[in-house]
């Protein structure tokens, strides 16, 4: 059964960096879009970044584009998202999305 697994969350100091990973164990992403969303406490889930597996075209939330990079592996099994210069407002649960399928999320906290 296809499922998504996110990893890489944790506590990062302000100004630090984080790399999140999304995989679909036993499956490949094919040529489709894989996205990252996040949800801060008490707020709605918001789009962060996405990548088209077929050609690697990325899209980003405008306000964080300058410090975020999304990438994928040629084997179609993994998507990474690196966020730099982390801010307290980056705190939240980060989810991987593949079509209508969501992962369980990985928690990110930005704290000194």
C-alpha atoms as a PDB file:
ATOM      1  CA  UNK A   1       0.000   0.000   0.000  1.00  0.00           C
ATOM      2  CA  UNK A   2       1.362   3.379  -0.999  1.00  0.00           C
ATOM      3  CA  UNK A   3       2.227   5.606   1.925  1.00  0.00           C
ATOM      4  CA  UNK A   4       4.427   8.625   2.492  1.00  0.00           C
ATOM      5  CA  UNK A   5       7.036   8.909   5.205  1.00  0.00           C
ATOM      6  CA  UNK A   6       8.507  12.231   6.269  1.00  0.00           C
ATOM      7  CA  UNK A   7      11.661  12.575   8.322  1.00  0.00           C
ATOM      8  CA  UNK A   8      14.259  15.116   9.313  1.00  0.00           C
ATOM      9  CA  UNK A   9      12.258  17.251  11.685  1.00  0.00           C
ATOM     10  CA  UNK A  10      13.514  18.314  15.073  1.00  0.00           C
ATOM     11  CA  UNK A  11      14.723  21.345  16.968  1.00  0.00           C
ATOM     12  CA  UNK A  12      16.871  23.799  15.051  1.00  0.00           C
ATOM     13  CA  UNK A  13      18.253  27.115  16.331  1.00  0.00           C
ATOM     14  CA  UNK A  14      17.216  30.388  14.707  1.00  0.00           C
ATOM     15  CA  UNK A  15      19.371  30.908  11.643  1.00  0.00           C
ATOM     16  CA  UNK A  16      20.047  27.213  11.332  1.00  0.00           C
ATOM     17  CA  UNK A  17      19.228  24.804   8.523  1.00  0.00           C
ATOM     18  CA  UNK A  18      17.091  21.730   8.177  1.00  0.00           C
ATOM     19  CA  UNK A  19      16.703  19.025   5.573  1.00  0.00           C
ATOM     20  CA  UNK A  20      13.404  17.192   5.380  1.00  0.00           C
ATOM     21  CA  UNK A  21      12.969  13.948   3.493  1.00  0.00           C
ATOM     22  CA  UNK A  22       9.897  12.404   1.907  1.00  0.00           C
ATOM     23  CA  UNK A  23       9.853   8.821   0.708  1.00  0.00           C
ATOM     24  CA  UNK A  24       7.250   6.336  -0.469  1.00  0.00           C
ATOM     25  CA  UNK A  25       8.652   3.017   0.739  1.00  0.00           C
ATOM     26  CA  UNK A  26       8.455   0.358  -1.917  1.00  0.00           C
ATOM     27  CA  UNK A  27       7.098   2.747  -4.525  1.00  0.00           C
ATOM     28  CA  UNK A  28       8.295   5.354  -6.960  1.00  0.00           C
ATOM     29  CA  UNK A  29       6.947   8.831  -7.460  1.00  0.00           C
ATOM     30  CA  UNK A  30       6.901   8.513 -11.221  1.00  0.00           C
ATOM     31  CA  UNK A  31       6.608  11.778 -13.110  1.00  0.00           C
ATOM     32  CA  UNK A  32       4.130  13.486 -10.829  1.00  0.00           C
ATOM     33  CA  UNK A  33       4.301  16.390  -8.424  1.00  0.00           C
ATOM     34  CA  UNK A  34       5.426  16.003  -4.838  1.00  0.00           C
ATOM     35  CA  UNK A  35       4.742  18.848  -2.447  1.00  0.00           C
ATOM     36  CA  UNK A  36       5.584  20.010   1.043  1.00  0.00           C
ATOM     37  CA  UNK A  37       3.054  21.739   3.236  1.00  0.00           C
ATOM     38  CA  UNK A  38       3.291  22.876   6.821  1.00  0.00           C
ATOM     39  CA  UNK A  39       0.876  23.636   9.590  1.00  0.00           C
ATOM     40  CA  UNK A  40       1.722  25.864  12.499  1.00  0.00           C
ATOM     41  CA  UNK A  41      -0.162  25.483  15.784  1.00  0.00           C
ATOM     42  CA  UNK A  42      -3.572  27.084  15.489  1.00  0.00           C
ATOM     43  CA  UNK A  43      -3.165  27.852  11.802  1.00  0.00           C
ATOM     44  CA  UNK A  44      -4.249  26.323   8.536  1.00  0.00           C
ATOM     45  CA  UNK A  45      -2.010  24.098   6.510  1.00  0.00           C
ATOM     46  CA  UNK A  46      -0.049  26.076   3.928  1.00  0.00           C
ATOM     47  CA  UNK A  47       1.922  25.291   0.819  1.00  0.00           C
ATOM     48  CA  UNK A  48       5.696  25.442   1.139  1.00  0.00           C
ATOM     49  CA  UNK A  49       7.228  23.922  -1.972  1.00  0.00           C
ATOM     50  CA  UNK A  50       6.678  21.392  -4.726  1.00  0.00           C
ATOM     51  CA  UNK A  51       8.632  19.686  -7.455  1.00  0.00           C
ATOM     52  CA  UNK A  52       7.588  18.051 -10.696  1.00  0.00           C
ATOM     53  CA  UNK A  53       9.357  14.726 -10.824  1.00  0.00           C
ATOM     54  CA  UNK A  54       9.310  14.628 -14.612  1.00  0.00           C
ATOM     55  CA  UNK A  55      11.489  17.684 -15.105  1.00  0.00           C
ATOM     56  CA  UNK A  56      12.482  18.880 -11.663  1.00  0.00           C
ATOM     57  CA  UNK A  57      10.567  22.159 -11.932  1.00  0.00           C
ATOM     58  CA  UNK A  58      10.189  23.611  -8.444  1.00  0.00           C
ATOM     59  CA  UNK A  59       7.625  25.955  -6.984  1.00  0.00           C
ATOM     60  CA  UNK A  60       7.939  27.786  -3.672  1.00  0.00           C
ATOM     61  CA  UNK A  61       5.954  29.832  -1.244  1.00  0.00           C
ATOM     62  CA  UNK A  62       7.057  33.292  -2.256  1.00  0.00           C
ATOM     63  CA  UNK A  63       8.135  34.491   1.151  1.00  0.00           C
ATOM     64  CA  UNK A  64      10.582  31.633   1.733  1.00  0.00           C
ATOM     65  CA  UNK A  65      11.796  30.937  -1.801  1.00  0.00           C
ATOM     66  CA  UNK A  66      15.121  32.669  -1.197  1.00  0.00           C
ATOM     67  CA  UNK A  67      16.065  30.217   1.563  1.00  0.00           C
ATOM     68  CA  UNK A  68      14.422  26.984   0.451  1.00  0.00           C
ATOM     69  CA  UNK A  69      15.495  24.321  -2.015  1.00  0.00           C
ATOM     70  CA  UNK A  70      13.467  21.298  -3.046  1.00  0.00           C
ATOM     71  CA  UNK A  71      15.056  18.460  -4.968  1.00  0.00           C
ATOM     72  CA  UNK A  72      14.465  14.857  -5.976  1.00  0.00           C
ATOM     73  CA  UNK A  73      16.579  11.792  -6.638  1.00  0.00           C
ATOM     74  CA  UNK A  74      16.759  10.231 -10.110  1.00  0.00           C
ATOM     75  CA  UNK A  75      15.522   6.944  -8.731  1.00  0.00           C
ATOM     76  CA  UNK A  76      12.095   8.511  -8.091  1.00  0.00           C
ATOM     77  CA  UNK A  77      12.035   7.442  -4.472  1.00  0.00           C
ATOM     78  CA  UNK A  78      12.967  10.512  -2.469  1.00  0.00           C
ATOM     79  CA  UNK A  79      12.231  14.210  -2.284  1.00  0.00           C
ATOM     80  CA  UNK A  80      14.237  16.544  -0.078  1.00  0.00           C
ATOM     81  CA  UNK A  81      13.579  20.048   1.085  1.00  0.00           C
ATOM     82  CA  UNK A  82      16.302  22.168   2.631  1.00  0.00           C
ATOM     83  CA  UNK A  83      15.382  25.286   4.542  1.00  0.00           C
ATOM     84  CA  UNK A  84      18.066  27.720   5.611  1.00  0.00           C
ATOM     85  CA  UNK A  85      18.088  30.668   7.980  1.00  0.00           C
ATOM     86  CA  UNK A  86      15.269  29.122   9.943  1.00  0.00           C
ATOM     87  CA  UNK A  87      12.949  31.471  11.807  1.00  0.00           C
ATOM     88  CA  UNK A  88      10.591  30.898  14.740  1.00  0.00           C
ATOM     89  CA  UNK A  89       7.700  31.282  12.283  1.00  0.00           C
ATOM     90  CA  UNK A  90       8.919  28.145  10.512  1.00  0.00           C
ATOM     91  CA  UNK A  91       7.745  26.088  13.455  1.00  0.00           C
ATOM     92  CA  UNK A  92       5.100  23.537  12.633  1.00  0.00           C
ATOM     93  CA  UNK A  93       4.363  20.117  11.313  1.00  0.00           C
ATOM     94  CA  UNK A  94       5.664  19.531   7.813  1.00  0.00           C
ATOM     95  CA  UNK A  95       3.747  17.216   5.543  1.00  0.00           C
ATOM     96  CA  UNK A  96       4.597  15.564   2.268  1.00  0.00           C
ATOM     97  CA  UNK A  97       1.827  15.421  -0.314  1.00  0.00           C
ATOM     98  CA  UNK A  98       1.600  13.208  -3.379  1.00  0.00           C
ATOM     99  CA  UNK A  99      -1.690  13.651  -5.178  1.00  0.00           C
ATOM    100  CA  UNK A 100      -4.346  12.983  -2.582  1.00  0.00           C
ATOM    101  CA  UNK A 101      -1.977  11.095  -0.288  1.00  0.00           C
ATOM    102  CA  UNK A 102      -0.465  12.712   2.795  1.00  0.00           C
ATOM    103  CA  UNK A 103       2.184  11.561   5.188  1.00  0.00           C
ATOM    104  CA  UNK A 104       1.955  11.701   8.969  1.00  0.00           C
ATOM    105  CA  UNK A 105       4.170  14.745   9.139  1.00  0.00           C
ATOM    106  CA  UNK A 106       7.398  15.636  10.864  1.00  0.00           C
ATOM    107  CA  UNK A 107       7.595  18.220  13.624  1.00  0.00           C
ATOM    108  CA  UNK A 108       9.885  21.221  13.319  1.00  0.00           C
ATOM    109  CA  UNK A 109      10.693  23.593  16.152  1.00  0.00           C
ATOM    110  CA  UNK A 110      12.923  26.632  15.851  1.00  0.00           C
ATOM    111  CA  UNK A 111      14.389  27.481  19.217  1.00  0.00           C
ATOM    112  CA  UNK A 112      17.700  28.574  20.690  1.00  0.00           C
END
